[in-house]
C-alpha atoms as a PDB file:
ATOM      1  CA  MET A   1     160.457 -32.372 107.321  1.00  0.00           C
ATOM      2  CA  ALA A   2     160.244 -33.329 110.238  1.00  0.00           C
ATOM      3  CA  GLY A   3     159.217 -29.353 110.757  1.00  0.00           C
ATOM      4  CA  GLY A   4     156.777 -29.676 108.060  1.00  0.00           C
ATOM      5  CA  GLY A   5     154.843 -31.819 109.801  1.00  0.00           C
ATOM      6  CA  GLU A   6     153.973 -30.339 113.178  1.00  0.00           C
ATOM      7  CA  MET A   7     152.906 -27.108 111.160  1.00  0.00           C
ATOM      8  CA  PRO A   8     149.351 -29.454 111.022  1.00  0.00           C
ATOM      9  CA  GLN A   9     149.547 -30.547 114.388  1.00  0.00           C
ATOM     10  CA  ILE A  10     150.023 -27.020 115.996  1.00  0.00           C
ATOM     11  CA  ALA A  11     147.528 -25.647 114.278  1.00  0.00           C
ATOM     12  CA  LEU A  12     144.874 -27.904 115.013  1.00  0.00           C
ATOM     13  CA  ALA A  13     145.527 -26.841 118.707  1.00  0.00           C
ATOM     14  CA  TYR A  14     144.810 -24.193 118.433  1.00  0.00           C
ATOM     15  CA  GLN A  15     141.696 -24.529 117.024  1.00  0.00           C
ATOM     16  CA  HIS A  16     140.303 -26.769 119.911  1.00  0.00           C
ATOM     17  CA  GLN A  17     141.422 -23.831 122.809  1.00  0.00           C
ATOM     18  CA  PRO A  18     138.354 -21.585 123.036  1.00  0.00           C
ATOM     19  CA  ASP A  19     138.558 -18.222 122.900  1.00  0.00           C
ATOM     20  CA  TYR A  20     139.689 -16.471 125.666  1.00  0.00           C
ATOM     21  CA  ALA A  21     137.364 -12.703 125.131  1.00  0.00           C
ATOM     22  CA  PRO A  22     134.290 -13.905 126.676  1.00  0.00           C
ATOM     23  CA  GLU A  23     131.374 -13.446 124.604  1.00  0.00           C
ATOM     24  CA  SER A  24     129.566 -11.400 128.209  1.00  0.00           C
ATOM     25  CA  PHE A  25     131.034 -11.175 131.752  1.00  0.00           C
ATOM     26  CA  ARG A  26     129.101 -12.436 135.097  1.00  0.00           C
ATOM     27  CA  SER A  27     127.044  -9.912 137.188  1.00  0.00           C
ATOM     28  CA  PRO A  28     129.479  -8.515 139.861  1.00  0.00           C
ATOM     29  CA  THR A  29     127.246  -9.535 142.612  1.00  0.00           C
ATOM     30  CA  ASN A  30     128.797 -13.104 141.646  1.00  0.00           C
ATOM     31  CA  ALA A  31     132.295 -12.218 141.829  1.00  0.00           C
ATOM     32  CA  PRO A  32     133.690 -14.286 144.448  1.00  0.00           C
ATOM     33  CA  LEU A  33     135.418 -12.121 146.548  1.00  0.00           C
ATOM     34  CA  ARG A  34     131.957 -10.173 146.698  1.00  0.00           C
ATOM     35  CA  LYS A  35     129.796 -13.301 147.486  1.00  0.00           C
ATOM     36  CA  LEU A  36     132.643 -14.172 150.191  1.00  0.00           C
ATOM     37  CA  THR A  37     132.315 -10.424 151.887  1.00  0.00           C
ATOM     38  CA  VAL A  38     128.860 -11.216 151.921  1.00  0.00           C
ATOM     39  CA  ASP A  39     129.003 -14.499 152.961  1.00  0.00           C
ATOM     40  CA  LEU A  40     130.692 -13.897 156.431  1.00  0.00           C
ATOM     41  CA  ILE A  41     128.915 -10.306 156.817  1.00  0.00           C
ATOM     42  CA  LYS A  42     126.076 -12.260 156.821  1.00  0.00           C
ATOM     43  CA  THR A  43     127.896 -14.936 159.223  1.00  0.00           C
ATOM     44  CA  TYR A  44     128.794 -12.506 161.858  1.00  0.00           C
ATOM     45  CA  ARG A  45     125.875 -10.561 161.728  1.00  0.00           C
ATOM     46  CA  LYS A  46     123.797 -13.988 162.957  1.00  0.00           C
ATOM     47  CA  ILE A  47     126.493 -14.245 165.195  1.00  0.00           C
ATOM     48  CA  ASN A  48     125.498 -10.555 166.927  1.00  0.00           C
ATOM     49  CA  GLU A  49     121.726 -11.817 166.807  1.00  0.00           C
ATOM     50  CA  VAL A  50     122.266 -15.213 168.333  1.00  0.00           C
ATOM     51  CA  ARG A  51     124.636 -13.224 171.302  1.00  0.00           C
ATOM     52  CA  ILE A  52     122.680 -11.031 171.779  1.00  0.00           C
ATOM     53  CA  ILE A  53     119.284 -13.045 172.742  1.00  0.00           C
ATOM     54  CA  MET A  54     121.678 -14.722 174.358  1.00  0.00           C
ATOM     55  CA  TYR A  55     122.520 -12.037 177.177  1.00  0.00           C
ATOM     56  CA  VAL A  56     118.820 -11.385 177.238  1.00  0.00           C
ATOM     57  CA  TYR A  57     117.875 -14.882 178.449  1.00  0.00           C
ATOM     58  CA  VAL A  58     120.858 -13.879 181.250  1.00  0.00           C
ATOM     59  CA  TYR A  59     119.328 -11.261 182.113  1.00  0.00           C
ATOM     60  CA  VAL A  60     116.069 -12.361 182.494  1.00  0.00           C
ATOM     61  CA  TYR A  61     117.115 -15.782 184.195  1.00  0.00           C
ATOM     62  CA  VAL A  62     119.661 -13.866 187.121  1.00  0.00           C
ATOM     63  CA  TYR A  63     116.234 -11.483 187.608  1.00  0.00           C
ATOM     64  CA  VAL A  64     114.182 -14.166 187.788  1.00  0.00           C
ATOM     65  CA  PHE A  65     116.106 -16.042 190.570  1.00  0.00           C
ATOM     66  CA  VAL A  66     117.471 -12.508 192.043  1.00  0.00           C
ATOM     67  CA  CYS A  67     113.371 -12.523 192.510  1.00  0.00           C
ATOM     68  CA  VAL A  68     112.440 -15.766 193.959  1.00  0.00           C
ATOM     69  CA  CYS A  69     115.711 -15.627 196.465  1.00  0.00           C
ATOM     70  CA  VAL A  70     114.186 -12.156 197.744  1.00  0.00           C
ATOM     71  CA  CYS A  71     111.095 -13.801 198.252  1.00  0.00           C
ATOM     72  CA  LEU A  72     112.428 -16.568 199.886  1.00  0.00           C
ATOM     73  CA  CYS A  73     113.838 -13.881 202.279  1.00  0.00           C
ATOM     74  CA  LEU A  74     110.987 -11.721 202.774  1.00  0.00           C
ATOM     75  CA  CYS A  75     108.831 -15.898 204.131  1.00  0.00           C
ATOM     76  CA  VAL A  76     111.962 -16.749 206.179  1.00  0.00           C
ATOM     77  CA  CYS A  77     111.759 -13.375 208.304  1.00  0.00           C
ATOM     78  CA  MET A  78     107.664 -13.413 208.621  1.00  0.00           C
ATOM     79  CA  TYR A  79     107.708 -16.694 209.701  1.00  0.00           C
ATOM     80  CA  VAL A  80     110.604 -16.425 212.116  1.00  0.00           C
ATOM     81  CA  CYS A  81     109.135 -12.738 212.993  1.00  0.00           C
ATOM     82  CA  VAL A  82     105.399 -14.540 213.129  1.00  0.00           C
ATOM     83  CA  TYR A  83     106.439 -18.341 215.089  1.00  0.00           C
ATOM     84  CA  ASP A  84     109.823 -17.041 217.355  1.00  0.00           C
END
């Protein structure tokens, strides 16, 4: 009798489980691995853009600094030559 009493419970358990075959599949662009890959590529692209911008800023600052130093040296040399 114990075996006969369990059958309806097992049948009920199977009735409440979801279907394993989905009616529609998700688009490949929403797949987790693809999304992670795309996000990683975007992150590295942004890092490279920031790095390039920093190189340009450093180059400009160094160029300006060198120009100012050269101008100061020339001014000092002219002053020394004129007033010496």
